[in-house]
């Protein structure tokens, strides 16, 4: 038999590192402050649809106890794809699989954000002519982009808005926007 102690809950909480304590992001409560940040898993289909392999990957991370998972960047329009087998959210036809992914994470006690992005000049897809605010070649991939027009900018802003609206449905807990390497 284990002896009872007279420790109060506040005494016990002081022994727990802050990163293992529950936290909030806005109104979202997370089990702890362990955040698995966005990476590129390259486990989607060629057209960006979430696969069972990707769902199992995130389910395993949620079961492992991370308080928040952030998906690899999901491209908001087809010419915004960075690399093969990247998650896409450029079409409503992709939302059901994203919704199944989110449900699986939630069933395993996790929370998930979707990182929305546009690769811009960092696209390595051979069938995509990259676009960017200027025609300066990308220093990392050495690809010469086409300079964006006002119509391109408007189209991409709308694509981000559409993708964010799709994420407000039961397809994820929330969205993040990747701007560091985007266009």
Protein backbone atom coordinates (compact mmCIF):
# COMPACT_ATOMS: atom_id res chain seq x y z
CA UNK A 1 0.00 0.00 0.00
CA UNK A 2 1.26 3.46 -0.95
CA UNK A 3 1.10 5.93 1.93
CA UNK A 4 -0.94 9.07 1.39
CA UNK A 5 0.94 12.33 1.53
CA UNK A 6 -0.26 15.66 2.75
CA UNK A 7 1.01 17.49 -0.35
CA UNK A 8 -1.45 19.94 -1.83
CA UNK A 9 -1.96 20.29 -5.57
CA UNK A 10 0.06 23.53 -5.57
CA UNK A 11 2.99 21.69 -3.94
CA UNK A 12 2.88 19.04 -6.65
CA UNK A 13 2.62 21.62 -9.46
CA UNK A 14 5.82 23.30 -8.33
CA UNK A 15 7.66 20.05 -9.01
CA UNK A 16 6.45 19.97 -12.61
CA UNK A 17 8.53 21.94 -15.13
CA UNK A 18 6.61 24.82 -16.72
CA UNK A 19 6.80 23.24 -20.18
CA UNK A 20 4.79 20.24 -18.92
CA UNK A 21 2.04 22.38 -17.40
CA UNK A 22 -1.14 23.18 -19.34
CA UNK A 23 -1.15 26.44 -21.24
CA UNK A 24 -3.30 28.56 -23.51
CA UNK A 25 -2.87 30.16 -26.90
CA UNK A 26 -5.63 32.73 -27.11
CA UNK A 27 -8.70 30.75 -26.10
CA UNK A 28 -7.17 27.38 -27.01
CA UNK A 29 -6.13 25.27 -24.04
CA UNK A 30 -3.25 22.84 -24.62
CA UNK A 31 -2.24 19.97 -22.34
CA UNK A 32 1.34 21.22 -22.10
CA UNK A 33 3.75 23.61 -23.77
CA UNK A 34 5.51 21.02 -25.91
CA UNK A 35 5.04 22.20 -29.48
CA UNK A 36 6.05 20.12 -32.46
CA UNK A 37 6.78 22.78 -35.04
CA UNK A 38 6.20 22.60 -38.77
CA UNK A 39 8.46 20.48 -40.93
CA UNK A 40 8.03 18.95 -44.35
CA UNK A 41 6.90 15.36 -43.98
CA UNK A 42 6.40 14.68 -47.72
CA UNK A 43 3.75 12.05 -46.94
CA UNK A 44 0.81 13.52 -48.90
CA UNK A 45 -0.28 12.34 -52.33
CA UNK A 46 1.14 13.93 -55.47
CA UNK A 47 -1.80 16.36 -55.48
CA UNK A 48 -1.42 17.26 -51.79
CA UNK A 49 -4.09 15.04 -50.21
CA UNK A 50 -3.42 13.77 -46.69
CA UNK A 51 -2.67 10.02 -46.65
CA UNK A 52 -3.16 7.34 -44.00
CA UNK A 53 0.62 7.38 -43.50
CA UNK A 54 0.50 11.10 -42.65
CA UNK A 55 -2.52 10.66 -40.39
CA UNK A 56 -0.74 7.86 -38.53
CA UNK A 57 2.37 10.03 -38.19
CA UNK A 58 0.45 12.88 -36.52
CA UNK A 59 -1.63 10.46 -34.42
CA UNK A 60 1.58 8.97 -33.06
CA UNK A 61 2.89 12.44 -32.18
CA UNK A 62 -0.38 13.26 -30.40
CA UNK A 63 -0.27 9.98 -28.44
CA UNK A 64 3.31 10.84 -27.48
CA UNK A 65 2.03 13.82 -25.54
CA UNK A 66 2.93 16.95 -27.50
CA UNK A 67 0.55 19.73 -26.49
CA UNK A 68 0.38 21.20 -30.00
CA UNK A 69 1.30 19.90 -33.44
CA UNK A 70 1.88 22.21 -36.42
CA UNK A 71 1.63 20.61 -39.83
CA UNK A 72 4.24 20.98 -42.50
CA UNK A 73 3.46 23.94 -44.70
CA UNK A 74 0.32 23.42 -46.78
CA UNK A 75 0.29 25.18 -50.11
CA UNK A 76 -2.70 27.43 -50.79
CA UNK A 77 -2.56 27.34 -54.58
CA UNK A 78 -1.06 24.83 -56.98
CA UNK A 79 1.79 27.08 -58.14
CA UNK A 80 2.65 27.66 -54.48
CA UNK A 81 3.79 24.07 -53.95
CA UNK A 82 7.32 23.83 -52.62
CA UNK A 83 8.12 20.15 -52.99
CA UNK A 84 6.64 16.79 -53.96
CA UNK A 85 4.10 15.14 -51.64
CA UNK A 86 3.57 18.33 -49.64
CA UNK A 87 0.17 18.91 -47.99
CA UNK A 88 -2.16 21.01 -50.12
CA UNK A 89 -5.15 23.11 -49.13
CA UNK A 90 -5.82 24.79 -52.47
CA UNK A 91 -9.08 22.94 -53.14
CA UNK A 92 -12.16 22.05 -51.11
CA UNK A 93 -11.69 18.46 -52.32
CA UNK A 94 -8.67 18.22 -49.99
CA UNK A 95 -10.57 19.27 -46.84
CA UNK A 96 -12.17 15.87 -45.98
CA UNK A 97 -8.77 14.18 -45.61
CA UNK A 98 -7.48 17.13 -43.55
CA UNK A 99 -10.59 16.80 -41.37
CA UNK A 100 -9.85 13.09 -40.82
CA UNK A 101 -6.27 13.98 -39.84
CA UNK A 102 -7.51 16.55 -37.33
CA UNK A 103 -10.07 14.13 -35.86
CA UNK A 104 -7.36 11.49 -35.41
CA UNK A 105 -5.11 13.98 -33.59
CA UNK A 106 -7.99 15.10 -31.35
CA UNK A 107 -8.92 11.47 -30.60
CA UNK A 108 -5.37 10.97 -29.36
CA UNK A 109 -5.50 14.01 -27.06
CA UNK A 110 -3.67 16.48 -29.30
CA UNK A 111 -4.30 19.84 -30.88
CA UNK A 112 -3.18 20.69 -34.39
CA UNK A 113 -2.57 23.87 -36.37
CA UNK A 114 -2.19 23.93 -40.15
CA UNK A 115 0.63 26.06 -41.52
CA UNK A 116 -0.56 27.78 -44.70
CA UNK A 117 2.08 28.75 -47.22
CA UNK A 118 3.06 29.65 -50.75
CA UNK A 119 6.56 28.61 -51.80
CA UNK A 120 7.05 31.52 -54.17
CA UNK A 121 10.61 31.48 -55.50
CA UNK A 122 11.50 28.49 -53.31
CA UNK A 123 9.43 26.01 -55.28
CA UNK A 124 11.56 23.09 -56.43
CA UNK A 125 8.77 21.55 -58.49
CA UNK A 126 10.05 21.19 -62.06
CA UNK A 127 6.60 21.82 -63.56
CA UNK A 128 6.14 25.13 -61.70
CA UNK A 129 7.56 28.45 -62.86
CA UNK A 130 8.15 30.20 -59.53
CA UNK A 131 6.89 33.69 -58.85
CA UNK A 132 8.21 36.30 -56.43
CA UNK A 133 8.00 40.05 -55.73
CA UNK A 134 11.09 40.58 -57.91
CA UNK A 135 13.00 38.72 -60.62
CA UNK A 136 16.04 38.18 -58.41
CA UNK A 137 16.99 34.51 -58.46
CA UNK A 138 16.42 32.60 -55.24
CA UNK A 139 19.78 32.40 -53.43
CA UNK A 140 19.11 28.90 -52.10
CA UNK A 141 17.65 27.17 -55.14
CA UNK A 142 19.05 29.46 -57.85
CA UNK A 143 15.76 29.52 -59.71
CA UNK A 144 14.81 32.67 -61.59
CA UNK A 145 11.24 33.63 -60.63
CA UNK A 146 8.76 35.60 -62.66
CA UNK A 147 7.95 38.96 -61.09
CA UNK A 148 4.49 38.94 -59.53
CA UNK A 149 1.82 41.16 -61.01
CA UNK A 150 -0.89 42.95 -59.04
CA UNK A 151 -3.27 40.17 -60.18
CA UNK A 152 -0.88 37.51 -58.83
CA UNK A 153 -0.76 39.24 -55.45
CA UNK A 154 -4.55 39.54 -55.29
CA UNK A 155 -5.00 35.88 -56.32
CA UNK A 156 -2.59 34.68 -53.62
CA UNK A 157 -4.20 36.84 -50.93
CA UNK A 158 -7.56 35.32 -51.87
CA UNK A 159 -6.02 31.82 -51.84
CA UNK A 160 -4.70 32.34 -48.30
CA UNK A 161 -8.13 33.61 -47.23
CA UNK A 162 -9.89 30.65 -48.81
CA UNK A 163 -7.48 28.18 -47.18
CA UNK A 164 -7.87 29.86 -43.78
CA UNK A 165 -11.67 29.71 -44.12
CA UNK A 166 -11.44 26.02 -45.00
CA UNK A 167 -9.39 25.47 -41.84
CA UNK A 168 -12.14 27.05 -39.72
CA UNK A 169 -14.32 24.09 -40.55
CA UNK A 170 -13.61 20.96 -38.51
CA UNK A 171 -10.42 20.46 -40.49
CA UNK A 172 -8.04 21.75 -37.80
CA UNK A 173 -7.82 23.53 -34.50
CA UNK A 174 -6.41 26.68 -36.12
CA UNK A 175 -4.07 27.95 -38.84
CA UNK A 176 -0.66 29.58 -38.90
CA UNK A 177 0.77 31.53 -41.82
CA UNK A 178 4.26 30.88 -43.09
CA UNK A 179 5.76 34.10 -44.32
CA UNK A 180 9.48 33.64 -43.72
CA UNK A 181 10.21 31.71 -46.88
CA UNK A 182 7.02 32.34 -48.79
CA UNK A 183 6.80 34.61 -51.76
